């Protein structure tokens, strides 16, 4: 009789431990992933400095067509910084189309992702201290890239900084792997850093908004702004929403603008300066489709047309920048409504139940 009670206690404890392991699996998965990414970052010399870049490359219309038809934007991986800056300028003067990276709101794979050891495919790293998240950034929001990190949406600026840029970086909201799950926890003023192959760029959150997948006008470049937009699915509503975080470039103490950045802000002269200044005097109407930068993101095609569109982007002047980039539509949840609070509470209750049951069984002996 005593042996049967002992077996019963053992089974009960084993079942409890198995349940706890399943319950804590997402935590272990994220810890493993964070360690793996940080390990990659530590080896910065191997990751970035040893890459062989084409220092003599010059961007032309044929290159734009090639890049626009490559979902992984491969032609940009071995180019120098000047080439990439010219590419960003071309996005401001012309229009390239893209797709919604999440299709019908598909959730990320429930597996432990393994970041590619091919360092040449990692363009940069994004670090968001508020939510303790560091992710590799890939070019092109393909399923393969989004399964292992964040990705720049094709047709938006590359994350190398510069005036008239808005790099839209997408990441999954996952059931197991977090990625961009905690983006709604970011408040105005929180910091984000992007370390690319040349430098670390600093950004400060300025606002957020919920949009439909086809409201691509919210991903447009804002004239005279150097910013990034983080995009993910939103699970706080039953609708197929997209959640955007807007962040603008800033220079913390100890960092300075380069001479090129200062000249760019002081005098945005270029071969297309008249076009850019004229575009800056127009106003974005978020309720209507933007005339440039991005077309219908719900399209099933990666690019809608091979020829670059020569129509210039519409936008706003710095003094009349759209209010949505400095407005927090979604407020940070209080602590008692956060998923972590429920998780800890359930785990604590399970432990208490286990202790009480074990204690009761020992008393019955």
Protein backbone atom coordinates (compact mmCIF):
# COMPACT_ATOMS: atom_id res chain seq x y z
CA UNK A 1 0.00 0.00 0.00
CA UNK A 2 2.80 2.37 0.93
CA UNK A 3 4.65 1.51 -2.29
CA UNK A 4 1.55 2.37 -4.35
CA UNK A 5 1.27 5.77 -2.63
CA UNK A 6 4.93 6.44 -3.36
CA UNK A 7 4.40 5.58 -7.03
CA UNK A 8 1.37 7.84 -7.11
CA UNK A 9 3.35 10.71 -5.63
CA UNK A 10 6.17 10.14 -8.13
CA UNK A 11 3.79 10.17 -11.10
CA UNK A 12 2.12 13.29 -9.81
CA UNK A 13 5.45 15.08 -9.45
CA UNK A 14 6.65 13.92 -12.88
CA UNK A 15 3.45 15.12 -14.54
CA UNK A 16 3.81 18.45 -12.79
CA UNK A 17 7.44 18.82 -13.90
CA UNK A 18 6.56 17.96 -17.50
CA UNK A 19 3.76 20.53 -17.42
CA UNK A 20 6.13 23.17 -16.03
CA UNK A 21 8.71 22.42 -18.73
CA UNK A 22 6.09 22.86 -21.45
CA UNK A 23 4.88 26.02 -19.74
CA UNK A 24 8.40 27.44 -19.50
CA UNK A 25 9.52 26.34 -22.97
CA UNK A 26 8.98 29.81 -24.54
CA UNK A 27 11.21 31.32 -21.83
CA UNK A 28 14.00 28.80 -22.47
CA UNK A 29 13.58 29.25 -26.22
CA UNK A 30 13.99 33.02 -25.99
CA UNK A 31 16.95 32.74 -23.63
CA UNK A 32 18.69 30.42 -26.08
CA UNK A 33 17.96 32.71 -29.01
CA UNK A 34 19.17 35.81 -27.14
CA UNK A 35 22.42 34.06 -26.22
CA UNK A 36 22.93 32.93 -29.81
CA UNK A 37 22.41 36.43 -31.23
CA UNK A 38 24.66 38.06 -28.62
CA UNK A 39 27.33 35.48 -29.40
CA UNK A 40 27.14 36.49 -33.06
CA UNK A 41 27.39 40.17 -32.15
CA UNK A 42 30.47 39.62 -30.01
CA UNK A 43 32.30 38.35 -33.05
CA UNK A 44 31.84 41.65 -34.84
CA UNK A 45 35.13 41.37 -36.73
CA UNK A 46 34.04 38.09 -38.29
CA UNK A 47 30.51 39.35 -38.86
CA UNK A 48 31.24 42.65 -40.58
CA UNK A 49 34.86 43.73 -40.95
CA UNK A 50 35.95 40.75 -43.04
CA UNK A 51 33.20 41.13 -45.61
CA UNK A 52 34.47 41.93 -49.07
CA UNK A 53 32.51 44.92 -50.38
CA UNK A 54 32.44 46.19 -53.94
CA UNK A 55 33.91 49.66 -53.43
CA UNK A 56 33.70 50.61 -57.13
CA UNK A 57 30.02 49.83 -57.71
CA UNK A 58 27.73 52.60 -58.98
CA UNK A 59 23.93 52.44 -58.93
CA UNK A 60 22.03 52.70 -62.23
CA UNK A 61 18.49 52.03 -63.43
CA UNK A 62 19.33 48.43 -64.32
CA UNK A 63 20.49 47.83 -60.74
CA UNK A 64 17.21 49.23 -59.38
CA UNK A 65 15.24 46.81 -61.54
CA UNK A 66 17.42 43.89 -60.41
CA UNK A 67 17.03 44.80 -56.73
CA UNK A 68 13.28 45.34 -57.10
CA UNK A 69 12.81 41.84 -58.52
CA UNK A 70 14.92 40.08 -55.86
CA UNK A 71 12.87 39.35 -52.68
CA UNK A 72 16.08 39.04 -50.63
CA UNK A 73 17.67 42.19 -52.13
CA UNK A 74 20.87 40.18 -52.61
CA UNK A 75 22.61 42.74 -54.88
CA UNK A 76 22.84 45.15 -51.91
CA UNK A 77 24.71 42.80 -49.58
CA UNK A 78 28.20 43.40 -51.00
CA UNK A 79 27.95 47.13 -51.78
CA UNK A 80 29.69 50.03 -50.05
CA UNK A 81 27.99 52.73 -47.99
CA UNK A 82 27.97 55.34 -50.77
CA UNK A 83 26.17 52.91 -53.08
CA UNK A 84 23.56 52.17 -50.41
CA UNK A 85 23.06 55.89 -49.71
CA UNK A 86 22.45 56.44 -53.43
CA UNK A 87 19.92 53.61 -53.34
CA UNK A 88 18.08 55.29 -50.46
CA UNK A 89 18.04 58.56 -52.41
CA UNK A 90 16.55 56.75 -55.40
CA UNK A 91 13.70 55.48 -53.21
CA UNK A 92 12.93 59.07 -52.28
CA UNK A 93 12.84 60.19 -55.93
CA UNK A 94 11.17 57.10 -57.37
CA UNK A 95 8.66 54.50 -56.28
CA UNK A 96 9.22 50.81 -55.63
CA UNK A 97 6.43 48.49 -54.50
CA UNK A 98 6.37 45.77 -51.87
CA UNK A 99 4.06 43.29 -50.16
CA UNK A 100 2.64 42.93 -46.68
CA UNK A 101 5.22 40.62 -45.05
CA UNK A 102 2.68 38.75 -42.93
CA UNK A 103 0.13 37.74 -45.55
CA UNK A 104 -3.08 36.89 -43.72
CA UNK A 105 -1.67 37.57 -40.28
CA UNK A 106 0.32 34.35 -40.07
CA UNK A 107 2.11 33.80 -36.77
CA UNK A 108 5.76 32.86 -36.64
CA UNK A 109 6.87 29.24 -36.47
CA UNK A 110 6.78 27.65 -33.03
CA UNK A 111 10.33 26.38 -33.21
CA UNK A 112 13.65 27.54 -31.87
CA UNK A 113 15.09 29.54 -34.77
CA UNK A 114 18.73 29.27 -35.67
CA UNK A 115 20.31 32.46 -36.93
CA UNK A 116 22.21 31.96 -40.15
CA UNK A 117 25.95 31.57 -39.70
CA UNK A 118 26.39 33.19 -43.12
CA UNK A 119 27.40 36.61 -41.82
CA UNK A 120 27.16 38.15 -45.27
CA UNK A 121 23.37 37.73 -45.17
CA UNK A 122 23.05 39.72 -41.90
CA UNK A 123 22.92 43.42 -42.76
CA UNK A 124 22.67 44.87 -39.24
CA UNK A 125 21.46 44.27 -35.68
CA UNK A 126 18.62 46.05 -33.91
CA UNK A 127 18.71 46.43 -30.14
CA UNK A 128 15.63 47.49 -28.13
CA UNK A 129 16.69 47.77 -24.46
CA UNK A 130 13.16 48.44 -23.11
CA UNK A 131 11.99 44.95 -24.12
CA UNK A 132 15.42 43.26 -23.84
CA UNK A 133 15.40 42.27 -27.49
CA UNK A 134 18.30 42.07 -29.94
CA UNK A 135 17.71 40.75 -33.45
CA UNK A 136 19.68 40.39 -36.66
CA UNK A 137 18.31 42.44 -39.55
CA UNK A 138 18.10 40.87 -43.01
CA UNK A 139 17.26 42.51 -46.31
CA UNK A 140 13.89 41.49 -47.70
CA UNK A 141 10.97 40.34 -45.53
CA UNK A 142 10.86 36.76 -46.81
CA UNK A 143 9.47 33.87 -44.76
CA UNK A 144 13.00 32.55 -44.29
CA UNK A 145 14.30 35.86 -42.92
CA UNK A 146 11.31 36.49 -40.68
CA UNK A 147 11.69 33.01 -39.18
CA UNK A 148 15.10 33.91 -37.77
CA UNK A 149 14.99 37.65 -37.07
CA UNK A 150 13.81 41.03 -38.37
CA UNK A 151 13.87 42.15 -41.98
CA UNK A 152 13.78 45.37 -44.00
CA UNK A 153 10.65 45.51 -46.15
CA UNK A 154 11.59 45.72 -49.80
CA UNK A 155 10.97 49.15 -51.31
CA UNK A 156 11.80 51.02 -48.07
CA UNK A 157 15.05 52.67 -47.00
CA UNK A 158 18.05 50.69 -45.83
CA UNK A 159 18.93 51.21 -42.13
CA UNK A 160 22.06 53.30 -42.69
CA UNK A 161 20.63 56.67 -41.66
CA UNK A 162 20.40 59.84 -43.73
CA UNK A 163 17.94 62.59 -44.50
CA UNK A 164 14.70 61.60 -46.27
CA UNK A 165 14.88 57.97 -45.13
CA UNK A 166 12.43 55.66 -43.39
CA UNK A 167 13.59 52.08 -43.01
CA UNK A 168 10.57 49.85 -42.33
CA UNK A 169 11.73 46.82 -40.33
CA UNK A 170 9.29 43.96 -39.83
CA UNK A 171 9.28 41.18 -37.28
CA UNK A 172 6.84 38.50 -36.20
CA UNK A 173 4.65 38.48 -33.12
CA UNK A 174 5.25 34.88 -32.09
CA UNK A 175 3.49 32.30 -29.95
CA UNK A 176 6.83 31.00 -28.71
CA UNK A 177 9.65 33.16 -30.07
CA UNK A 178 9.12 36.78 -29.09
CA UNK A 179 10.83 38.79 -31.86
CA UNK A 180 8.58 41.90 -32.01
CA UNK A 181 5.88 40.57 -29.65
CA UNK A 182 6.60 43.21 -26.99
CA UNK A 183 6.69 46.26 -29.28
CA UNK A 184 3.45 47.62 -27.68
CA UNK A 185 5.47 48.01 -24.46
CA UNK A 186 7.52 50.81 -26.04
CA UNK A 187 6.62 54.34 -24.96
CA UNK A 188 7.55 57.69 -26.45
CA UNK A 189 11.19 58.43 -25.62
CA UNK A 190 12.37 54.80 -25.46
CA UNK A 191 15.56 54.18 -27.39
CA UNK A 192 16.43 51.85 -30.25
CA UNK A 193 19.87 51.30 -31.76
CA UNK A 194 20.81 49.81 -35.10
CA UNK A 195 24.36 48.61 -35.65
CA UNK A 196 25.08 48.17 -39.32
CA UNK A 197 28.35 47.33 -41.04
CA UNK A 198 29.77 50.81 -40.50
CA UNK A 199 28.30 52.44 -37.39
CA UNK A 200 25.69 52.42 -34.63
CA UNK A 201 22.63 54.59 -35.23
CA UNK A 202 20.48 55.84 -32.35
CA UNK A 203 16.72 56.35 -32.56
CA UNK A 204 14.06 57.49 -30.10
CA UNK A 205 10.44 56.31 -30.20
CA UNK A 206 8.15 59.17 -31.22
CA UNK A 207 4.78 57.43 -31.60
CA UNK A 208 2.80 54.37 -32.66
CA UNK A 209 -0.35 53.49 -34.58
CA UNK A 210 -2.57 50.57 -35.61
CA UNK A 211 -3.22 50.23 -39.34
CA UNK A 212 -4.76 47.82 -41.84
CA UNK A 213 -2.37 45.78 -43.99
CA UNK A 214 -3.13 47.90 -47.08
CA UNK A 215 -2.54 51.31 -45.47
CA UNK A 216 0.92 51.61 -46.97
CA UNK A 217 0.88 55.40 -46.83
CA UNK A 218 1.99 55.13 -43.20
CA UNK A 219 5.26 53.55 -44.36
CA UNK A 220 6.25 56.45 -46.59
CA UNK A 221 9.36 58.60 -46.23
CA UNK A 222 8.69 61.83 -44.34
CA UNK A 223 10.58 64.76 -45.94
CA UNK A 224 13.63 65.92 -43.98
CA UNK A 225 13.25 63.03 -41.51
CA UNK A 226 15.80 60.35 -40.64
CA UNK A 227 13.68 57.63 -39.05
CA UNK A 228 12.78 53.97 -38.81
CA UNK A 229 9.41 52.25 -38.54
CA UNK A 230 8.99 48.89 -36.80
CA UNK A 231 6.10 46.76 -38.05
CA UNK A 232 4.48 43.65 -36.62
CA UNK A 233 1.11 41.90 -36.33
CA UNK A 234 -1.06 43.02 -33.43
CA UNK A 235 -2.83 40.43 -31.30
CA UNK A 236 -4.63 42.87 -29.04
CA UNK A 237 -7.69 42.96 -31.29
CA UNK A 238 -9.61 40.41 -33.35
CA UNK A 239 -8.95 42.42 -36.51
CA UNK A 240 -6.04 41.73 -38.86
CA UNK A 241 -4.18 44.82 -37.66
CA UNK A 242 -0.59 45.90 -38.14
CA UNK A 243 1.18 47.70 -35.30
CA UNK A 244 3.73 50.38 -36.16
CA UNK A 245 6.36 52.02 -33.96
CA UNK A 246 7.86 55.26 -35.28
CA UNK A 247 11.33 56.32 -34.13
CA UNK A 248 13.39 59.34 -35.14
CA UNK A 249 17.18 59.65 -35.26
CA UNK A 250 18.89 61.34 -32.35
CA UNK A 251 22.47 61.85 -31.22
CA UNK A 252 23.12 60.97 -27.56
CA UNK A 253 25.88 62.69 -25.65
CA UNK A 254 29.26 61.65 -26.99
CA UNK A 255 28.06 61.14 -30.57
CA UNK A 256 28.14 63.72 -33.35
CA UNK A 257 26.70 64.11 -36.78
CA UNK A 258 29.07 63.45 -39.63
CA UNK A 259 29.98 66.32 -41.92
CA UNK A 260 27.86 64.75 -44.64
CA UNK A 261 24.80 64.58 -42.40
CA UNK A 262 25.23 68.21 -41.31
CA UNK A 263 25.54 69.41 -44.91
CA UNK A 264 22.56 67.29 -45.93
CA UNK A 265 20.35 68.85 -43.28
CA UNK A 266 21.59 72.38 -43.87
CA UNK A 267 21.26 72.29 -47.65
CA UNK A 268 19.44 69.35 -49.25
CA UNK A 269 20.90 70.13 -52.65
CA UNK A 270 21.14 67.40 -55.20
CA UNK A 271 20.36 66.81 -58.84
CA UNK A 272 16.72 66.45 -57.82
CA UNK A 273 16.63 69.13 -55.12
CA UNK A 274 13.84 71.11 -56.81
CA UNK A 275 11.71 67.98 -56.99
CA UNK A 276 12.38 67.13 -53.34
CA UNK A 277 11.62 70.64 -52.09
CA UNK A 278 8.39 70.73 -54.10
CA UNK A 279 7.41 67.35 -52.66
CA UNK A 280 8.15 68.60 -49.15
CA UNK A 281 5.50 71.34 -49.56
CA UNK A 282 2.71 68.83 -50.11
CA UNK A 283 0.67 67.15 -47.37
CA UNK A 284 0.20 63.45 -46.69
CA UNK A 285 -3.41 62.42 -46.23
CA UNK A 286 -3.36 59.14 -44.26
CA UNK A 287 -6.87 58.27 -45.43
CA UNK A 288 -5.69 58.10 -49.05
CA UNK A 289 -3.06 56.01 -50.71
CA UNK A 290 0.37 57.61 -50.93
CA UNK A 291 1.41 58.39 -54.48
CA UNK A 292 4.88 57.01 -53.94
CA UNK A 293 7.16 54.62 -52.12
CA UNK A 294 4.84 51.64 -51.59
CA UNK A 295 1.92 50.11 -53.44
CA UNK A 296 -0.74 47.67 -52.25
CA UNK A 297 1.04 45.47 -49.67
CA UNK A 298 -1.65 42.78 -49.83
CA UNK A 299 -0.68 41.90 -53.37
CA UNK A 300 0.59 38.38 -53.87
CA UNK A 301 3.40 39.62 -56.07
CA UNK A 302 6.71 40.76 -54.70
CA UNK A 303 7.02 43.65 -57.14
CA UNK A 304 4.28 45.13 -59.30
CA UNK A 305 6.20 46.09 -62.38
CA UNK A 306 9.84 45.97 -63.36
CA UNK A 307 10.31 49.59 -64.41
CA UNK A 308 10.91 52.08 -61.58
CA UNK A 309 8.22 54.74 -61.37
CA UNK A 310 9.58 58.23 -61.89
CA UNK A 311 6.84 59.91 -59.88
CA UNK A 312 8.22 61.65 -56.80
CA UNK A 313 7.10 60.94 -53.24
CA UNK A 314 4.52 63.21 -51.70
CA UNK A 315 5.09 64.32 -48.15
CA UNK A 316 5.11 67.17 -45.68
CA UNK A 317 7.51 69.84 -44.69
CA UNK A 318 9.29 69.45 -41.32
CA UNK A 319 7.03 72.08 -39.77
CA UNK A 320 3.89 70.23 -40.82
CA UNK A 321 5.04 66.63 -40.37
CA UNK A 322 2.10 64.21 -40.00
CA UNK A 323 0.89 64.02 -36.42
CA UNK A 324 0.71 60.21 -36.42
CA UNK A 325 4.50 59.88 -36.13
CA UNK A 326 4.43 61.74 -32.80
CA UNK A 327 1.22 60.26 -31.35
CA UNK A 328 0.85 57.11 -29.22
CA UNK A 329 -2.42 55.58 -30.35
CA UNK A 330 -1.79 52.38 -28.36
CA UNK A 331 -0.92 52.99 -24.72
CA UNK A 332 1.43 50.76 -22.72
CA UNK A 333 -0.52 48.16 -20.73
CA UNK A 334 -0.43 48.41 -16.92
CA UNK A 335 1.56 45.68 -15.18
CA UNK A 336 -1.51 43.68 -14.13
CA UNK A 337 -2.63 43.29 -17.79
CA UNK A 338 0.71 42.08 -19.15
CA UNK A 339 1.25 38.51 -20.28
CA UNK A 340 4.29 38.17 -18.00
CA UNK A 341 2.11 38.92 -14.96
CA UNK A 342 -0.34 36.15 -15.87
CA UNK A 343 2.52 33.75 -16.59
CA UNK A 344 4.21 34.35 -13.24
CA UNK A 345 0.89 34.16 -11.40
CA UNK A 346 -0.06 30.82 -12.97
CA UNK A 347 3.41 29.40 -12.30
CA UNK A 348 3.25 30.53 -8.66
CA UNK A 349 -0.21 28.97 -8.22
CA UNK A 350 1.01 25.67 -9.69
CA UNK A 351 3.96 25.61 -7.30
CA UNK A 352 1.69 26.35 -4.33
CA UNK A 353 -0.73 23.59 -5.37
CA UNK A 354 2.15 21.14 -5.72
CA UNK A 355 3.55 22.00 -2.28
CA UNK A 356 0.12 21.71 -0.61
CA UNK A 357 -0.61 18.35 -2.26
CA UNK A 358 2.79 16.88 -1.39
CA UNK A 359 2.43 18.12 2.17
CA UNK A 360 -1.05 16.62 2.44
CA UNK A 361 0.14 13.24 1.16
CA UNK A 362 3.01 13.13 3.62
CA UNK A 363 0.61 13.87 6.47
CA UNK A 364 -1.61 10.96 5.39
CA UNK A 365 1.29 8.50 5.71
